[in-house]
PDB file of all heavy atoms in Angstrom:
ATOM      1  N   GLU A   1    -134.332 192.523 -46.484  1.00  0.00           N
ATOM      2  CA  GLU A   1    -135.544 191.729 -46.333  1.00  0.00           C
ATOM      3  C   GLU A   1    -135.190 190.383 -45.730  1.00  0.00           C
ATOM      4  O   GLU A   1    -134.068 189.897 -45.876  1.00  0.00           O
ATOM      5  CB  GLU A   1    -136.220 191.527 -47.690  1.00  0.00           C
ATOM      6  CG  GLU A   1    -136.720 192.818 -48.292  1.00  0.00           C
ATOM      7  CD  GLU A   1    -137.419 192.601 -49.620  1.00  0.00           C
ATOM      8  OE1 GLU A   1    -137.617 191.443 -50.030  1.00  0.00           O
ATOM      9  OE2 GLU A   1    -137.774 193.607 -50.259  1.00  0.00           O
ATOM     10  N   ALA A   2    -136.185 189.788 -45.035  1.00  0.00           N
ATOM     11  CA  ALA A   2    -135.985 188.479 -44.406  1.00  0.00           C
ATOM     12  C   ALA A   2    -137.341 187.808 -44.221  1.00  0.00           C
ATOM     13  O   ALA A   2    -138.392 188.443 -44.329  1.00  0.00           O
ATOM     14  CB  ALA A   2    -135.292 188.637 -43.058  1.00  0.00           C
ATOM     15  N   VAL A   3    -137.288 186.527 -43.920  1.00  0.00           N
ATOM     16  CA  VAL A   3    -138.492 185.748 -43.628  1.00  0.00           C
ATOM     17  C   VAL A   3    -138.550 185.569 -42.114  1.00  0.00           C
ATOM     18  O   VAL A   3    -137.546 185.203 -41.484  1.00  0.00           O
ATOM     19  CB  VAL A   3    -138.443 184.375 -44.344  1.00  0.00           C
ATOM     20  CG1 VAL A   3    -139.634 183.527 -43.949  1.00  0.00           C
ATOM     21  CG2 VAL A   3    -138.371 184.571 -45.838  1.00  0.00           C
ATOM     22  N   LEU A   4    -139.716 185.825 -41.534  1.00  0.00           N
ATOM     23  CA  LEU A   4    -139.877 185.709 -40.085  1.00  0.00           C
ATOM     24  C   LEU A   4    -139.798 184.250 -39.644  1.00  0.00           C
ATOM     25  O   LEU A   4    -140.592 183.418 -40.115  1.00  0.00           O
ATOM     26  CB  LEU A   4    -141.220 186.285 -39.643  1.00  0.00           C
ATOM     27  CG  LEU A   4    -141.396 187.792 -39.728  1.00  0.00           C
ATOM     28  CD1 LEU A   4    -142.838 188.158 -39.401  1.00  0.00           C
ATOM     29  CD2 LEU A   4    -140.435 188.489 -38.797  1.00  0.00           C
ATOM     30  N   PRO A   5    -138.896 183.912 -38.730  1.00  0.00           N
ATOM     31  CA  PRO A   5    -138.845 182.545 -38.222  1.00  0.00           C
ATOM     32  C   PRO A   5    -139.938 182.291 -37.185  1.00  0.00           C
ATOM     33  O   PRO A   5    -140.317 181.156 -36.926  1.00  0.00           O
ATOM     34  CB  PRO A   5    -137.467 182.448 -37.589  1.00  0.00           C
ATOM     35  CG  PRO A   5    -137.128 183.846 -37.200  1.00  0.00           C
ATOM     36  CD  PRO A   5    -137.799 184.724 -38.212  1.00  0.00           C
ATOM     37  N   GLU A   6    -140.427 183.366 -36.592  1.00  0.00           N
ATOM     38  CA  GLU A   6    -141.508 183.287 -35.604  1.00  0.00           C
ATOM     39  C   GLU A   6    -142.414 184.483 -35.823  1.00  0.00           C
ATOM     40  O   GLU A   6    -141.994 185.492 -36.388  1.00  0.00           O
ATOM     41  CB  GLU A   6    -140.948 183.251 -34.181  1.00  0.00           C
ATOM     42  CG  GLU A   6    -140.088 184.448 -33.822  1.00  0.00           C
ATOM     43  CD  GLU A   6    -139.411 184.308 -32.469  1.00  0.00           C
ATOM     44  OE1 GLU A   6    -138.684 183.329 -32.260  1.00  0.00           O
ATOM     45  OE2 GLU A   6    -139.636 185.195 -31.627  1.00  0.00           O
ATOM     46  N   PRO A   7    -143.671 184.417 -35.392  1.00  0.00           N
ATOM     47  CA  PRO A   7    -144.603 185.517 -35.673  1.00  0.00           C
ATOM     48  C   PRO A   7    -144.281 186.784 -34.872  1.00  0.00           C
ATOM     49  O   PRO A   7    -143.621 186.740 -33.841  1.00  0.00           O
ATOM     50  CB  PRO A   7    -145.960 184.947 -35.244  1.00  0.00           C
ATOM     51  CG  PRO A   7    -145.643 183.873 -34.270  1.00  0.00           C
ATOM     52  CD  PRO A   7    -144.309 183.317 -34.662  1.00  0.00           C
ATOM     53  N   ILE A   8    -144.773 187.893 -35.397  1.00  0.00           N
ATOM     54  CA  ILE A   8    -144.748 189.147 -34.647  1.00  0.00           C
ATOM     55  C   ILE A   8    -146.080 189.227 -33.927  1.00  0.00           C
ATOM     56  O   ILE A   8    -147.141 189.215 -34.556  1.00  0.00           O
ATOM     57  CB  ILE A   8    -144.569 190.367 -35.580  1.00  0.00           C
ATOM     58  CG1 ILE A   8    -143.243 190.297 -36.330  1.00  0.00           C
ATOM     59  CG2 ILE A   8    -144.665 191.664 -34.787  1.00  0.00           C
ATOM     60  CD1 ILE A   8    -143.039 191.440 -37.323  1.00  0.00           C
ATOM     61  N   ARG A   9    -146.023 189.278 -32.594  1.00  0.00           N
ATOM     62  CA  ARG A   9    -147.242 189.338 -31.771  1.00  0.00           C
ATOM     63  C   ARG A   9    -147.227 190.614 -30.942  1.00  0.00           C
ATOM     64  O   ARG A   9    -146.207 190.941 -30.341  1.00  0.00           O
ATOM     65  CB  ARG A   9    -147.305 188.129 -30.831  1.00  0.00           C
ATOM     66  CG  ARG A   9    -147.543 186.831 -31.552  1.00  0.00           C
ATOM     67  CD  ARG A   9    -147.821 185.710 -30.566  1.00  0.00           C
ATOM     68  NE  ARG A   9    -147.926 184.462 -31.282  1.00  0.00           N
ATOM     69  CZ  ARG A   9    -147.147 183.412 -31.078  1.00  0.00           C
ATOM     70  NH1 ARG A   9    -146.211 183.450 -30.164  1.00  0.00           N
ATOM     71  NH2 ARG A   9    -147.308 182.320 -31.786  1.00  0.00           N
ATOM     72  N   GLN A  10    -148.341 191.278 -30.914  1.00  0.00           N
ATOM     73  CA  GLN A  10    -148.496 192.529 -30.171  1.00  0.00           C
ATOM     74  C   GLN A  10    -147.413 193.529 -30.568  1.00  0.00           C
ATOM     75  O   GLN A  10    -146.883 194.271 -29.742  1.00  0.00           O
ATOM     76  CB  GLN A  10    -148.488 192.267 -28.662  1.00  0.00           C
ATOM     77  CG  GLN A  10    -149.636 191.400 -28.221  1.00  0.00           C
ATOM     78  CD  GLN A  10    -149.580 191.107 -26.732  1.00  0.00           C
ATOM     79  OE1 GLN A  10    -148.595 191.394 -26.059  1.00  0.00           O
ATOM     80  NE2 GLN A  10    -150.663 190.539 -26.226  1.00  0.00           N
ATOM     81  N   GLY A  11    -147.039 193.492 -31.845  1.00  0.00           N
ATOM     82  CA  GLY A  11    -146.115 194.480 -32.383  1.00  0.00           C
ATOM     83  C   GLY A  11    -144.646 194.190 -32.181  1.00  0.00           C
ATOM     84  O   GLY A  11    -143.806 194.987 -32.612  1.00  0.00           O
ATOM     85  N   THR A  12    -144.296 193.070 -31.522  1.00  0.00           N
ATOM     86  CA  THR A  12    -142.876 192.782 -31.298  1.00  0.00           C
ATOM     87  C   THR A  12    -142.542 191.343 -31.686  1.00  0.00           C
ATOM     88  O   THR A  12    -143.403 190.463 -31.667  1.00  0.00           O
ATOM     89  CB  THR A  12    -142.463 193.002 -29.828  1.00  0.00           C
ATOM     90  OG1 THR A  12    -143.195 192.107 -29.000  1.00  0.00           O
ATOM     91  CG2 THR A  12    -142.696 194.435 -29.387  1.00  0.00           C
ATOM     92  N   GLY A  13    -141.294 191.138 -32.001  1.00  0.00           N
ATOM     93  CA  GLY A  13    -140.806 189.809 -32.344  1.00  0.00           C
ATOM     94  C   GLY A  13    -139.293 189.813 -32.400  1.00  0.00           C
ATOM     95  O   GLY A  13    -138.638 190.746 -31.922  1.00  0.00           O
ATOM     96  N   ARG A  14    -138.747 188.742 -33.003  1.00  0.00           N
ATOM     97  CA  ARG A  14    -137.294 188.631 -33.127  1.00  0.00           C
ATOM     98  C   ARG A  14    -136.956 188.172 -34.537  1.00  0.00           C
ATOM     99  O   ARG A  14    -137.728 187.445 -35.170  1.00  0.00           O
ATOM    100  CB  ARG A  14    -136.729 187.632 -32.124  1.00  0.00           C
ATOM    101  CG  ARG A  14    -136.941 188.075 -30.678  1.00  0.00           C
ATOM    102  CD  ARG A  14    -136.275 187.183 -29.696  1.00  0.00           C
ATOM    103  NE  ARG A  14    -136.719 185.790 -29.884  1.00  0.00           N
ATOM    104  CZ  ARG A  14    -136.263 184.784 -29.184  1.00  0.00           C
ATOM    105  NH1 ARG A  14    -135.368 184.974 -28.258  1.00  0.00           N
ATOM    106  NH2 ARG A  14    -136.701 183.551 -29.404  1.00  0.00           N
ATOM    107  N   LEU A  15    -135.782 188.602 -34.987  1.00  0.00           N
ATOM    108  CA  LEU A  15    -135.341 188.261 -36.332  1.00  0.00           C
ATOM    109  C   LEU A  15    -133.817 188.198 -36.340  1.00  0.00           C
ATOM    110  O   LEU A  15    -133.164 189.038 -35.729  1.00  0.00           O
ATOM    111  CB  LEU A  15    -135.835 189.324 -37.318  1.00  0.00           C
ATOM    112  CG  LEU A  15    -135.538 189.135 -38.790  1.00  0.00           C
ATOM    113  CD1 LEU A  15    -136.177 187.844 -39.315  1.00  0.00           C
ATOM    114  CD2 LEU A  15    -136.049 190.320 -39.579  1.00  0.00           C
ATOM    115  N   ARG A  16    -133.270 187.217 -37.032  1.00  0.00           N
ATOM    116  CA  ARG A  16    -131.817 187.065 -37.104  1.00  0.00           C
ATOM    117  C   ARG A  16    -131.307 187.590 -38.445  1.00  0.00           C
ATOM    118  O   ARG A  16    -131.797 187.215 -39.501  1.00  0.00           O
ATOM    119  CB  ARG A  16    -131.419 185.600 -36.949  1.00  0.00           C
ATOM    120  CG  ARG A  16    -129.901 185.393 -36.968  1.00  0.00           C
ATOM    121  CD  ARG A  16    -129.500 183.973 -36.654  1.00  0.00           C
ATOM    122  NE  ARG A  16    -129.874 183.549 -35.320  1.00  0.00           N
ATOM    123  CZ  ARG A  16    -129.195 183.838 -34.204  1.00  0.00           C
ATOM    124  NH1 ARG A  16    -128.107 184.559 -34.277  1.00  0.00           N
ATOM    125  NH2 ARG A  16    -129.606 183.399 -33.040  1.00  0.00           N
ATOM    126  N   PHE A  17    -130.333 188.493 -38.362  1.00  0.00           N
ATOM    127  CA  PHE A  17    -129.581 188.932 -39.527  1.00  0.00           C
ATOM    128  C   PHE A  17    -128.131 188.564 -39.280  1.00  0.00           C
ATOM    129  O   PHE A  17    -127.547 188.956 -38.267  1.00  0.00           O
ATOM    130  CB  PHE A  17    -129.687 190.453 -39.735  1.00  0.00           C
ATOM    131  CG  PHE A  17    -130.938 190.877 -40.441  1.00  0.00           C
ATOM    132  CD1 PHE A  17    -131.919 191.573 -39.755  1.00  0.00           C
ATOM    133  CD2 PHE A  17    -131.129 190.595 -41.778  1.00  0.00           C
ATOM    134  CE1 PHE A  17    -133.070 191.972 -40.397  1.00  0.00           C
ATOM    135  CE2 PHE A  17    -132.277 190.993 -42.424  1.00  0.00           C
ATOM    136  CZ  PHE A  17    -133.254 191.677 -41.729  1.00  0.00           C
ATOM    137  N   ASP A  18    -127.571 187.801 -40.188  1.00  0.00           N
ATOM    138  CA  ASP A  18    -126.192 187.336 -40.075  1.00  0.00           C
ATOM    139  C   ASP A  18    -126.026 186.588 -38.755  1.00  0.00           C
ATOM    140  O   ASP A  18    -126.685 185.596 -38.538  1.00  0.00           O
ATOM    141  CB  ASP A  18    -125.210 188.490 -40.247  1.00  0.00           C
ATOM    142  CG  ASP A  18    -125.396 189.192 -41.594  1.00  0.00           C
ATOM    143  OD1 ASP A  18    -125.671 188.486 -42.588  1.00  0.00           O
ATOM    144  OD2 ASP A  18    -125.285 190.432 -41.638  1.00  0.00           O
ATOM    145  N   ASP A  19    -125.194 187.098 -37.849  1.00  0.00           N
ATOM    146  CA  ASP A  19    -124.960 186.382 -36.590  1.00  0.00           C
ATOM    147  C   ASP A  19    -125.588 187.081 -35.393  1.00  0.00           C
ATOM    148  O   ASP A  19    -125.236 186.807 -34.262  1.00  0.00           O
ATOM    149  CB  ASP A  19    -123.461 186.199 -36.368  1.00  0.00           C
ATOM    150  CG  ASP A  19    -122.720 187.520 -36.232  1.00  0.00           C
ATOM    151  OD1 ASP A  19    -123.315 188.564 -36.550  1.00  0.00           O
ATOM    152  OD2 ASP A  19    -121.557 187.509 -35.810  1.00  0.00           O
ATOM    153  N   THR A  20    -126.536 187.993 -35.647  1.00  0.00           N
ATOM    154  CA  THR A  20    -127.132 188.770 -34.559  1.00  0.00           C
ATOM    155  C   THR A  20    -128.645 188.575 -34.537  1.00  0.00           C
ATOM    156  O   THR A  20    -129.302 188.656 -35.566  1.00  0.00           O
ATOM    157  CB  THR A  20    -126.807 190.265 -34.727  1.00  0.00           C
ATOM    158  OG1 THR A  20    -125.394 190.413 -34.826  1.00  0.00           O
ATOM    159  CG2 THR A  20    -127.321 191.073 -33.548  1.00  0.00           C
ATOM    160  N   LEU A  21    -129.171 188.358 -33.345  1.00  0.00           N
ATOM    161  CA  LEU A  21    -130.616 188.249 -33.144  1.00  0.00           C
ATOM    162  C   LEU A  21    -131.125 189.622 -32.714  1.00  0.00           C
ATOM    163  O   LEU A  21    -130.690 190.163 -31.696  1.00  0.00           O
ATOM    164  CB  LEU A  21    -130.925 187.196 -32.078  1.00  0.00           C
ATOM    165  CG  LEU A  21    -132.393 186.870 -31.866  1.00  0.00           C
ATOM    166  CD1 LEU A  21    -132.982 186.258 -33.141  1.00  0.00           C
ATOM    167  CD2 LEU A  21    -132.554 185.903 -30.710  1.00  0.00           C
ATOM    168  N   TRP A  22    -132.020 190.192 -33.518  1.00  0.00           N
ATOM    169  CA  TRP A  22    -132.529 191.536 -33.277  1.00  0.00           C
ATOM    170  C   TRP A  22    -133.964 191.479 -32.776  1.00  0.00           C
ATOM    171  O   TRP A  22    -134.741 190.641 -33.189  1.00  0.00           O
ATOM    172  CB  TRP A  22    -132.529 192.333 -34.583  1.00  0.00           C
ATOM    173  CG  TRP A  22    -131.176 192.602 -35.136  1.00  0.00           C
ATOM    174  CD1 TRP A  22    -130.471 191.809 -35.982  1.00  0.00           C
ATOM    175  CD2 TRP A  22    -130.371 193.743 -34.891  1.00  0.00           C
ATOM    176  NE1 TRP A  22    -129.268 192.389 -36.284  1.00  0.00           N
ATOM    177  CE2 TRP A  22    -129.189 193.579 -35.621  1.00  0.00           C
ATOM    178  CE3 TRP A  22    -130.530 194.893 -34.125  1.00  0.00           C
ATOM    179  CZ2 TRP A  22    -128.171 194.518 -35.615  1.00  0.00           C
ATOM    180  CZ3 TRP A  22    -129.520 195.836 -34.122  1.00  0.00           C
ATOM    181  CH2 TRP A  22    -128.353 195.642 -34.852  1.00  0.00           C
ATOM    182  N   ARG A  23    -134.302 192.426 -31.903  1.00  0.00           N
ATOM    183  CA  ARG A  23    -135.702 192.647 -31.558  1.00  0.00           C
ATOM    184  C   ARG A  23    -136.291 193.476 -32.680  1.00  0.00           C
ATOM    185  O   ARG A  23    -135.655 194.381 -33.199  1.00  0.00           O
ATOM    186  CB  ARG A  23    -135.821 193.397 -30.242  1.00  0.00           C
ATOM    187  CG  ARG A  23    -135.498 192.519 -29.048  1.00  0.00           C
ATOM    188  CD  ARG A  23    -135.760 193.202 -27.704  1.00  0.00           C
ATOM    189  NE  ARG A  23    -136.970 193.986 -27.704  1.00  0.00           N
ATOM    190  CZ  ARG A  23    -137.085 195.179 -27.121  1.00  0.00           C
ATOM    191  NH1 ARG A  23    -136.073 195.708 -26.490  1.00  0.00           N
ATOM    192  NH2 ARG A  23    -138.225 195.842 -27.152  1.00  0.00           N
ATOM    193  N   ILE A  24    -137.533 193.154 -33.058  1.00  0.00           N
ATOM    194  CA  ILE A  24    -138.186 193.892 -34.131  1.00  0.00           C
ATOM    195  C   ILE A  24    -139.544 194.388 -33.677  1.00  0.00           C
ATOM    196  O   ILE A  24    -140.161 193.830 -32.770  1.00  0.00           O
ATOM    197  CB  ILE A  24    -138.332 193.037 -35.418  1.00  0.00           C
ATOM    198  CG1 ILE A  24    -139.139 191.757 -35.143  1.00  0.00           C
ATOM    199  CG2 ILE A  24    -136.974 192.706 -36.005  1.00  0.00           C
ATOM    200  CD1 ILE A  24    -139.467 190.972 -36.402  1.00  0.00           C
ATOM    201  N   GLU A  25    -139.991 195.461 -34.309  1.00  0.00           N
ATOM    202  CA  GLU A  25    -141.325 196.018 -34.089  1.00  0.00           C
ATOM    203  C   GLU A  25    -141.987 196.175 -35.441  1.00  0.00           C
ATOM    204  O   GLU A  25    -141.335 196.565 -36.410  1.00  0.00           O
ATOM    205  CB  GLU A  25    -141.248 197.386 -33.407  1.00  0.00           C
ATOM    206  CG  GLU A  25    -140.795 197.342 -31.981  1.00  0.00           C
ATOM    207  CD  GLU A  25    -140.748 198.733 -31.354  1.00  0.00           C
ATOM    208  OE1 GLU A  25    -140.859 199.739 -32.095  1.00  0.00           O
ATOM    209  OE2 GLU A  25    -140.589 198.806 -30.138  1.00  0.00           O
ATOM    210  N   GLY A  26    -143.256 195.862 -35.493  1.00  0.00           N
ATOM    211  CA  GLY A  26    -144.001 195.998 -36.729  1.00  0.00           C
ATOM    212  C   GLY A  26    -145.401 195.453 -36.564  1.00  0.00           C
ATOM    213  O   GLY A  26    -145.814 195.075 -35.460  1.00  0.00           O
TER     214      GLY A  26
END
């Protein structure tokens, strides 16, 4: 689990886990 640093818009966004920035869908 994590807290979104920026919103998910149109089903996509970004999220950082450890030292990697991941693209996310939701």
